[in-house]
Amino acid sequence: MPVKSLIIGNDGVQADVTPNAELLVTTLATPEPTYILINLDNTAFNFFEPVGNMRFRIAGVLVKADRVVGVNGAIVTIYESKEKEGALALVEEKILWKSEVSKEQFAPPVPIHQARSGFFINAKSDDSNIHITIYGNFVPTPTESDTVLII
């Protein structure tokens, strides 16, 4: 039985063994930015839809609260959901990032996360006028026969 492995280093280099036992070494795709303005309170805003057997790798998030955000700031959540829109899209299956953001302030840096395949990546806030940019790309989801080592 062939063994497939995927090794991802901190420098963005990916090594992959093909089913024919060929070693492929390449850099991961450059993270692409996606921007959304959250302009409604407690509403799910969809960033990414599930793509086949892929999962989304979040390389970075930039969150800024506008000057009209309330004096107590805004609680912003980026999460996995089973739904894209509607009331069920507000259900947080897994929180990827959550923080309070004060008016006219940027949120703290976000560590790299890999969302699970088959889930929507949504964001919501308890205040409007929140600017969010998520940088990332889709990567293959390992199967049970894959060996994955993230360094």
N, C-alpha and C. Protein backbone atom coordinates (compact mmCIF):
# COMPACT_ATOMS: atom_id res chain seq x y z
N MET A 1 0.85 -1.17 0.00
CA MET A 1 0.00 0.00 0.00
C MET A 1 0.89 1.23 0.00
N PRO A 2 0.70 2.18 -0.95
CA PRO A 2 1.53 3.37 -0.99
C PRO A 2 1.20 4.28 0.19
N VAL A 3 2.20 4.95 0.71
CA VAL A 3 2.03 5.90 1.80
C VAL A 3 2.25 7.28 1.23
N LYS A 4 1.31 8.16 1.48
CA LYS A 4 1.43 9.53 1.01
C LYS A 4 1.74 10.40 2.21
N SER A 5 2.64 11.34 2.05
CA SER A 5 2.94 12.25 3.16
C SER A 5 2.93 13.67 2.66
N LEU A 6 2.68 14.59 3.57
CA LEU A 6 2.68 16.00 3.27
C LEU A 6 3.41 16.68 4.42
N ILE A 7 4.49 17.37 4.10
CA ILE A 7 5.28 18.06 5.13
C ILE A 7 5.24 19.54 4.80
N ILE A 8 4.85 20.35 5.78
CA ILE A 8 4.77 21.79 5.60
C ILE A 8 5.68 22.43 6.63
N GLY A 9 6.66 23.20 6.18
CA GLY A 9 7.57 23.90 7.08
C GLY A 9 7.10 25.31 7.35
N ASN A 10 7.65 25.93 8.39
CA ASN A 10 7.28 27.30 8.74
C ASN A 10 7.66 28.30 7.66
N ASP A 11 8.58 27.94 6.78
CA ASP A 11 9.01 28.85 5.72
C ASP A 11 8.11 28.79 4.50
N GLY A 12 7.01 28.05 4.56
CA GLY A 12 6.07 27.99 3.47
C GLY A 12 6.41 26.96 2.41
N VAL A 13 7.43 26.13 2.67
CA VAL A 13 7.80 25.10 1.70
C VAL A 13 7.03 23.83 2.01
N GLN A 14 6.49 23.23 0.98
CA GLN A 14 5.70 22.01 1.12
C GLN A 14 6.41 20.89 0.37
N ALA A 15 6.58 19.76 1.04
CA ALA A 15 7.13 18.56 0.40
C ALA A 15 6.03 17.52 0.36
N ASP A 16 5.85 16.90 -0.79
CA ASP A 16 4.77 15.95 -0.98
C ASP A 16 5.30 14.73 -1.72
N VAL A 17 4.87 13.55 -1.31
CA VAL A 17 5.26 12.31 -1.99
C VAL A 17 4.05 11.85 -2.80
N THR A 18 4.25 11.68 -4.11
CA THR A 18 3.16 11.25 -4.98
C THR A 18 2.92 9.75 -4.82
N PRO A 19 1.81 9.23 -5.35
CA PRO A 19 1.56 7.78 -5.29
C PRO A 19 2.63 6.97 -6.02
N ASN A 20 3.38 7.62 -6.92
CA ASN A 20 4.46 6.94 -7.63
C ASN A 20 5.80 7.10 -6.93
N ALA A 21 5.78 7.51 -5.67
CA ALA A 21 6.97 7.68 -4.84
C ALA A 21 7.88 8.78 -5.36
N GLU A 22 7.32 9.80 -5.99
CA GLU A 22 8.10 10.95 -6.43
C GLU A 22 8.02 12.03 -5.36
N LEU A 23 9.14 12.66 -5.07
CA LEU A 23 9.18 13.72 -4.08
C LEU A 23 9.00 15.06 -4.79
N LEU A 24 7.97 15.81 -4.39
CA LEU A 24 7.71 17.13 -4.95
C LEU A 24 7.96 18.16 -3.85
N VAL A 25 8.73 19.18 -4.14
CA VAL A 25 8.99 20.25 -3.19
C VAL A 25 8.59 21.56 -3.85
N THR A 26 7.73 22.32 -3.19
CA THR A 26 7.24 23.58 -3.74
C THR A 26 6.85 24.50 -2.59
N THR A 27 6.64 25.76 -2.89
CA THR A 27 6.13 26.67 -1.88
C THR A 27 4.61 26.60 -1.91
N LEU A 28 4.00 26.86 -0.77
CA LEU A 28 2.54 26.90 -0.71
C LEU A 28 2.06 28.10 -1.52
N ALA A 29 0.84 28.02 -1.99
CA ALA A 29 0.27 29.12 -2.75
C ALA A 29 0.27 30.39 -1.91
N THR A 30 0.49 31.52 -2.56
CA THR A 30 0.47 32.79 -1.86
C THR A 30 -0.92 33.04 -1.30
N PRO A 31 -1.02 33.37 0.00
CA PRO A 31 -2.33 33.63 0.58
C PRO A 31 -3.03 34.79 -0.12
N GLU A 32 -4.28 34.59 -0.46
CA GLU A 32 -5.08 35.61 -1.13
C GLU A 32 -5.95 36.33 -0.10
N PRO A 33 -6.06 37.68 -0.20
CA PRO A 33 -6.90 38.42 0.75
C PRO A 33 -8.36 38.45 0.32
N THR A 34 -9.26 38.38 1.29
CA THR A 34 -10.69 38.57 1.07
C THR A 34 -11.19 39.55 2.12
N TYR A 35 -11.80 40.64 1.67
CA TYR A 35 -12.25 41.71 2.56
C TYR A 35 -13.77 41.72 2.64
N ILE A 36 -14.28 41.95 3.86
CA ILE A 36 -15.71 42.13 4.08
C ILE A 36 -15.90 43.21 5.14
N LEU A 37 -16.88 44.08 4.91
CA LEU A 37 -17.29 45.06 5.91
C LEU A 37 -18.50 44.49 6.63
N ILE A 38 -18.38 44.30 7.92
CA ILE A 38 -19.53 43.86 8.72
C ILE A 38 -20.32 45.12 9.05
N ASN A 39 -21.47 45.25 8.41
CA ASN A 39 -22.25 46.48 8.58
C ASN A 39 -23.62 46.22 9.24
N LEU A 40 -23.82 45.01 9.76
CA LEU A 40 -25.04 44.67 10.50
C LEU A 40 -24.64 43.91 11.76
N ASP A 41 -25.22 44.27 12.88
CA ASP A 41 -24.95 43.59 14.15
C ASP A 41 -25.49 42.16 14.10
N ASN A 42 -24.77 41.25 14.77
CA ASN A 42 -25.23 39.87 14.97
C ASN A 42 -25.78 39.22 13.71
N THR A 43 -25.05 39.38 12.62
CA THR A 43 -25.40 38.79 11.34
C THR A 43 -24.19 38.03 10.82
N ALA A 44 -24.42 36.86 10.28
CA ALA A 44 -23.31 36.06 9.73
C ALA A 44 -22.90 36.61 8.36
N PHE A 45 -21.61 36.85 8.19
CA PHE A 45 -21.04 37.26 6.91
C PHE A 45 -20.11 36.14 6.46
N ASN A 46 -20.37 35.62 5.27
CA ASN A 46 -19.59 34.48 4.79
C ASN A 46 -18.34 34.92 4.05
N PHE A 47 -17.20 34.34 4.43
CA PHE A 47 -15.93 34.59 3.75
C PHE A 47 -15.64 33.51 2.72
N PHE A 48 -15.77 32.25 3.11
CA PHE A 48 -15.39 31.15 2.23
C PHE A 48 -16.39 30.00 2.34
N GLU A 49 -16.71 29.41 1.18
CA GLU A 49 -17.56 28.23 1.12
C GLU A 49 -16.68 27.00 1.05
N PRO A 50 -17.19 25.84 1.47
CA PRO A 50 -16.40 24.61 1.36
C PRO A 50 -16.06 24.32 -0.10
N VAL A 51 -14.86 23.78 -0.32
CA VAL A 51 -14.41 23.41 -1.67
C VAL A 51 -13.95 21.96 -1.64
N GLY A 52 -14.78 21.07 -2.15
CA GLY A 52 -14.43 19.65 -2.26
C GLY A 52 -13.76 19.10 -1.01
N ASN A 53 -12.66 18.39 -1.23
CA ASN A 53 -11.91 17.78 -0.13
C ASN A 53 -10.76 18.68 0.29
N MET A 54 -11.03 19.98 0.36
CA MET A 54 -10.01 20.96 0.74
C MET A 54 -10.43 21.62 2.05
N ARG A 55 -9.45 22.14 2.75
CA ARG A 55 -9.74 22.95 3.93
C ARG A 55 -9.03 24.27 3.76
N PHE A 56 -9.56 25.29 4.39
CA PHE A 56 -9.00 26.62 4.22
C PHE A 56 -7.95 26.87 5.28
N ARG A 57 -6.79 27.32 4.85
CA ARG A 57 -5.67 27.64 5.74
C ARG A 57 -5.63 29.15 5.91
N ILE A 58 -5.93 29.62 7.11
CA ILE A 58 -5.90 31.06 7.41
C ILE A 58 -4.47 31.43 7.76
N ALA A 59 -3.86 32.26 6.90
CA ALA A 59 -2.48 32.70 7.13
C ALA A 59 -2.44 33.99 7.94
N GLY A 60 -3.52 34.74 7.92
CA GLY A 60 -3.56 35.99 8.67
C GLY A 60 -4.92 36.62 8.62
N VAL A 61 -5.20 37.46 9.60
CA VAL A 61 -6.46 38.18 9.68
C VAL A 61 -6.16 39.61 10.11
N LEU A 62 -6.79 40.56 9.44
CA LEU A 62 -6.67 41.96 9.81
C LEU A 62 -8.08 42.45 10.14
N VAL A 63 -8.27 42.92 11.38
CA VAL A 63 -9.58 43.39 11.83
C VAL A 63 -9.43 44.80 12.35
N LYS A 64 -10.28 45.71 11.89
CA LYS A 64 -10.26 47.09 12.35
C LYS A 64 -11.68 47.54 12.63
N ALA A 65 -11.85 48.19 13.78
CA ALA A 65 -13.14 48.77 14.14
C ALA A 65 -13.17 50.21 13.67
N ASP A 66 -14.27 50.61 13.06
CA ASP A 66 -14.45 51.97 12.57
C ASP A 66 -14.64 52.93 13.74
N ARG A 67 -14.60 54.22 13.46
CA ARG A 67 -14.73 55.23 14.52
C ARG A 67 -16.14 55.31 15.10
N VAL A 68 -17.12 54.73 14.43
CA VAL A 68 -18.50 54.78 14.93
C VAL A 68 -18.85 53.59 15.83
N VAL A 69 -17.90 52.70 16.06
CA VAL A 69 -18.14 51.56 16.96
C VAL A 69 -18.34 52.11 18.38
N GLY A 70 -19.23 51.47 19.13
CA GLY A 70 -19.56 51.93 20.48
C GLY A 70 -18.36 52.04 21.41
N VAL A 71 -18.53 52.75 22.50
CA VAL A 71 -17.44 53.00 23.44
C VAL A 71 -16.89 51.72 24.07
N ASN A 72 -17.71 50.68 24.14
CA ASN A 72 -17.26 49.41 24.72
C ASN A 72 -16.56 48.52 23.70
N GLY A 73 -16.42 48.99 22.46
CA GLY A 73 -15.78 48.17 21.44
C GLY A 73 -16.75 47.14 20.88
N ALA A 74 -16.19 46.23 20.11
CA ALA A 74 -17.01 45.20 19.46
C ALA A 74 -16.37 43.85 19.67
N ILE A 75 -17.18 42.84 19.93
CA ILE A 75 -16.70 41.47 19.99
C ILE A 75 -16.83 40.90 18.59
N VAL A 76 -15.70 40.50 18.00
CA VAL A 76 -15.67 39.98 16.64
C VAL A 76 -15.29 38.50 16.70
N THR A 77 -16.02 37.67 15.96
CA THR A 77 -15.77 36.23 15.95
C THR A 77 -15.64 35.75 14.52
N ILE A 78 -14.60 34.98 14.25
CA ILE A 78 -14.43 34.28 12.98
C ILE A 78 -14.54 32.80 13.32
N TYR A 79 -15.40 32.08 12.60
CA TYR A 79 -15.74 30.73 13.04
C TYR A 79 -16.14 29.84 11.87
N GLU A 80 -16.16 28.54 12.12
CA GLU A 80 -16.68 27.57 11.17
C GLU A 80 -18.17 27.41 11.42
N SER A 81 -18.91 27.25 10.33
CA SER A 81 -20.35 27.05 10.43
C SER A 81 -20.80 26.02 9.39
N LYS A 82 -21.91 25.37 9.69
CA LYS A 82 -22.47 24.43 8.72
C LYS A 82 -23.34 25.14 7.68
N GLU A 83 -23.66 26.42 7.92
CA GLU A 83 -24.53 27.18 7.03
C GLU A 83 -23.84 28.47 6.58
N LYS A 84 -24.24 28.93 5.39
CA LYS A 84 -23.67 30.15 4.82
C LYS A 84 -24.40 31.40 5.30
N GLU A 85 -25.73 31.32 5.40
CA GLU A 85 -26.52 32.49 5.78
C GLU A 85 -27.74 32.07 6.57
N GLY A 86 -28.41 33.06 7.14
CA GLY A 86 -29.60 32.79 7.95
C GLY A 86 -29.24 32.59 9.41
N ALA A 87 -30.26 32.29 10.21
CA ALA A 87 -30.09 32.15 11.66
C ALA A 87 -29.11 31.03 12.01
N LEU A 88 -29.16 29.91 11.27
CA LEU A 88 -28.26 28.79 11.58
C LEU A 88 -26.80 29.10 11.26
N ALA A 89 -26.56 30.09 10.41
CA ALA A 89 -25.18 30.48 10.08
C ALA A 89 -24.51 31.18 11.25
N LEU A 90 -25.29 31.60 12.24
CA LEU A 90 -24.72 32.24 13.44
C LEU A 90 -24.17 31.21 14.43
N VAL A 91 -24.51 29.93 14.24
CA VAL A 91 -24.06 28.87 15.14
C VAL A 91 -22.56 28.63 14.92
N GLU A 92 -21.78 28.76 15.98
CA GLU A 92 -20.32 28.59 15.91
C GLU A 92 -19.98 27.12 16.14
N GLU A 93 -19.67 26.40 15.07
CA GLU A 93 -19.25 25.01 15.19
C GLU A 93 -17.86 24.92 15.81
N LYS A 94 -16.99 25.85 15.42
CA LYS A 94 -15.64 25.93 15.98
C LYS A 94 -15.17 27.37 15.82
N ILE A 95 -14.74 27.99 16.91
CA ILE A 95 -14.24 29.36 16.86
C ILE A 95 -12.79 29.33 16.39
N LEU A 96 -12.51 30.07 15.32
CA LEU A 96 -11.14 30.16 14.82
C LEU A 96 -10.42 31.36 15.41
N TRP A 97 -11.17 32.43 15.71
CA TRP A 97 -10.59 33.64 16.29
C TRP A 97 -11.70 34.47 16.89
N LYS A 98 -11.46 35.01 18.10
CA LYS A 98 -12.45 35.86 18.76
C LYS A 98 -11.71 36.88 19.61
N SER A 99 -12.12 38.16 19.49
CA SER A 99 -11.46 39.20 20.26
C SER A 99 -12.35 40.43 20.34
N GLU A 100 -12.10 41.26 21.35
CA GLU A 100 -12.75 42.56 21.43
C GLU A 100 -11.88 43.56 20.70
N VAL A 101 -12.51 44.39 19.88
CA VAL A 101 -11.79 45.40 19.12
C VAL A 101 -12.36 46.76 19.49
N SER A 102 -11.50 47.66 19.97
CA SER A 102 -11.93 49.01 20.33
C SER A 102 -12.05 49.88 19.09
N LYS A 103 -12.83 50.97 19.21
CA LYS A 103 -13.02 51.83 18.04
C LYS A 103 -11.69 52.39 17.55
N GLU A 104 -11.57 52.44 16.22
CA GLU A 104 -10.39 52.92 15.51
C GLU A 104 -9.11 52.16 15.89
N GLN A 105 -9.26 50.91 16.27
CA GLN A 105 -8.12 50.08 16.63
C GLN A 105 -8.07 48.83 15.76
N PHE A 106 -6.85 48.31 15.57
CA PHE A 106 -6.68 47.03 14.91
C PHE A 106 -6.66 45.94 15.96
N ALA A 107 -7.12 44.77 15.60
CA ALA A 107 -7.13 43.62 16.52
C ALA A 107 -5.72 43.03 16.59
N PRO A 108 -5.45 42.23 17.64
CA PRO A 108 -4.14 41.58 17.77
C PRO A 108 -3.91 40.58 16.64
N PRO A 109 -2.64 40.23 16.37
CA PRO A 109 -2.34 39.27 15.30
C PRO A 109 -3.02 37.93 15.54
N VAL A 110 -3.23 37.22 14.45
CA VAL A 110 -3.93 35.94 14.49
C VAL A 110 -2.96 34.83 14.09
N PRO A 111 -2.84 33.77 14.89
CA PRO A 111 -1.99 32.65 14.48
C PRO A 111 -2.63 31.89 13.31
N ILE A 112 -1.83 31.10 12.63
CA ILE A 112 -2.33 30.32 11.49
C ILE A 112 -3.30 29.25 11.98
N HIS A 113 -4.42 29.14 11.30
CA HIS A 113 -5.42 28.12 11.60
C HIS A 113 -5.75 27.36 10.33
N GLN A 114 -6.10 26.10 10.47
CA GLN A 114 -6.62 25.35 9.34
C GLN A 114 -8.03 24.92 9.68
N ALA A 115 -8.98 25.46 8.92
CA ALA A 115 -10.37 25.09 9.12
C ALA A 115 -10.60 23.66 8.62
N ARG A 116 -11.61 23.04 9.14
CA ARG A 116 -11.95 21.69 8.69
C ARG A 116 -12.65 21.74 7.34
N SER A 117 -12.50 20.69 6.56
CA SER A 117 -13.17 20.66 5.26
C SER A 117 -14.67 20.49 5.49
N GLY A 118 -15.46 21.03 4.56
CA GLY A 118 -16.91 20.89 4.63
C GLY A 118 -17.61 21.96 5.44
N PHE A 119 -16.89 22.98 5.90
CA PHE A 119 -17.50 24.04 6.70
C PHE A 119 -17.34 25.39 6.02
N PHE A 120 -18.31 26.26 6.24
CA PHE A 120 -18.23 27.64 5.80
C PHE A 120 -17.39 28.41 6.82
N ILE A 121 -16.66 29.41 6.37
CA ILE A 121 -15.94 30.29 7.29
C ILE A 121 -16.70 31.60 7.31
N ASN A 122 -17.29 31.90 8.46
CA ASN A 122 -18.11 33.09 8.64
C ASN A 122 -17.51 34.00 9.70
N ALA A 123 -18.02 35.23 9.73
CA ALA A 123 -17.62 36.19 10.76
C ALA A 123 -18.87 36.93 11.22
N LYS A 124 -18.85 37.38 12.46
CA LYS A 124 -19.94 38.17 12.99
C LYS A 124 -19.40 39.10 14.07
N SER A 125 -20.19 40.11 14.41
CA SER A 125 -19.80 41.07 15.44
C SER A 125 -21.05 41.56 16.14
N ASP A 126 -20.87 42.00 17.39
CA ASP A 126 -22.01 42.57 18.11
C ASP A 126 -22.13 44.07 17.86
N ASP A 127 -21.34 44.60 16.93
CA ASP A 127 -21.40 46.00 16.52
C ASP A 127 -21.14 46.05 15.02
N SER A 128 -21.64 47.07 14.38
CA SER A 128 -21.41 47.19 12.94
C SER A 128 -20.15 48.01 12.67
N ASN A 129 -19.81 48.15 11.41
CA ASN A 129 -18.65 48.91 10.96
C ASN A 129 -17.33 48.28 11.40
N ILE A 130 -17.23 46.98 11.17
CA ILE A 130 -16.00 46.23 11.44
C ILE A 130 -15.43 45.81 10.08
N HIS A 131 -14.19 46.14 9.84
CA HIS A 131 -13.51 45.80 8.59
C HIS A 131 -12.64 44.56 8.83
N ILE A 132 -12.87 43.50 8.04
CA ILE A 132 -12.11 42.25 8.22
C ILE A 132 -11.52 41.84 6.88
N THR A 133 -10.23 41.52 6.90
CA THR A 133 -9.56 40.93 5.76
C THR A 133 -8.94 39.62 6.23
N ILE A 134 -9.27 38.53 5.55
CA ILE A 134 -8.68 37.22 5.87
C ILE A 134 -7.77 36.84 4.71
N TYR A 135 -6.52 36.49 5.05
CA TYR A 135 -5.55 36.02 4.07
C TYR A 135 -5.43 34.50 4.21
N GLY A 136 -5.48 33.80 3.10
CA GLY A 136 -5.33 32.36 3.17
C GLY A 136 -5.50 31.70 1.83
N ASN A 137 -5.51 30.37 1.86
CA ASN A 137 -5.69 29.58 0.66
C ASN A 137 -6.20 28.19 1.04
N PHE A 138 -6.71 27.49 0.05
CA PHE A 138 -7.20 26.13 0.28
C PHE A 138 -6.04 25.14 0.12
N VAL A 139 -6.00 24.16 1.03
CA VAL A 139 -4.99 23.10 0.98
C VAL A 139 -5.71 21.76 1.04
N PRO A 140 -5.08 20.70 0.51
CA PRO A 140 -5.74 19.38 0.54
C PRO A 140 -5.98 18.90 1.97
N THR A 141 -7.09 18.22 2.15
CA THR A 141 -7.39 17.59 3.43
C THR A 141 -6.75 16.20 3.42
N PRO A 142 -5.89 15.91 4.39
CA PRO A 142 -5.28 14.58 4.43
C PRO A 142 -6.33 13.49 4.61
N THR A 143 -6.09 12.35 4.01
CA THR A 143 -6.98 11.21 4.21
C THR A 143 -6.38 10.33 5.31
N GLU A 144 -7.08 9.28 5.68
CA GLU A 144 -6.59 8.40 6.74
C GLU A 144 -5.27 7.73 6.37
N SER A 145 -5.02 7.55 5.09
CA SER A 145 -3.78 6.91 4.68
C SER A 145 -2.61 7.88 4.55
N ASP A 146 -2.90 9.19 4.70
CA ASP A 146 -1.84 10.19 4.61
C ASP A 146 -1.13 10.34 5.95
N THR A 147 0.14 10.64 5.88
CA THR A 147 0.91 10.98 7.06
C THR A 147 1.22 12.47 6.97
N VAL A 148 0.82 13.24 7.97
CA VAL A 148 1.02 14.68 7.93
C VAL A 148 1.91 15.10 9.08
N LEU A 149 2.91 15.89 8.74
CA LEU A 149 3.82 16.44 9.75
C LEU A 149 3.92 17.93 9.48
N ILE A 150 3.46 18.74 10.43
CA ILE A 150 3.58 20.20 10.28
C ILE A 150 4.67 20.64 11.23
N ILE A 151 5.70 21.24 10.65
CA ILE A 151 6.89 21.64 11.43
C ILE A 151 6.79 23.11 11.79
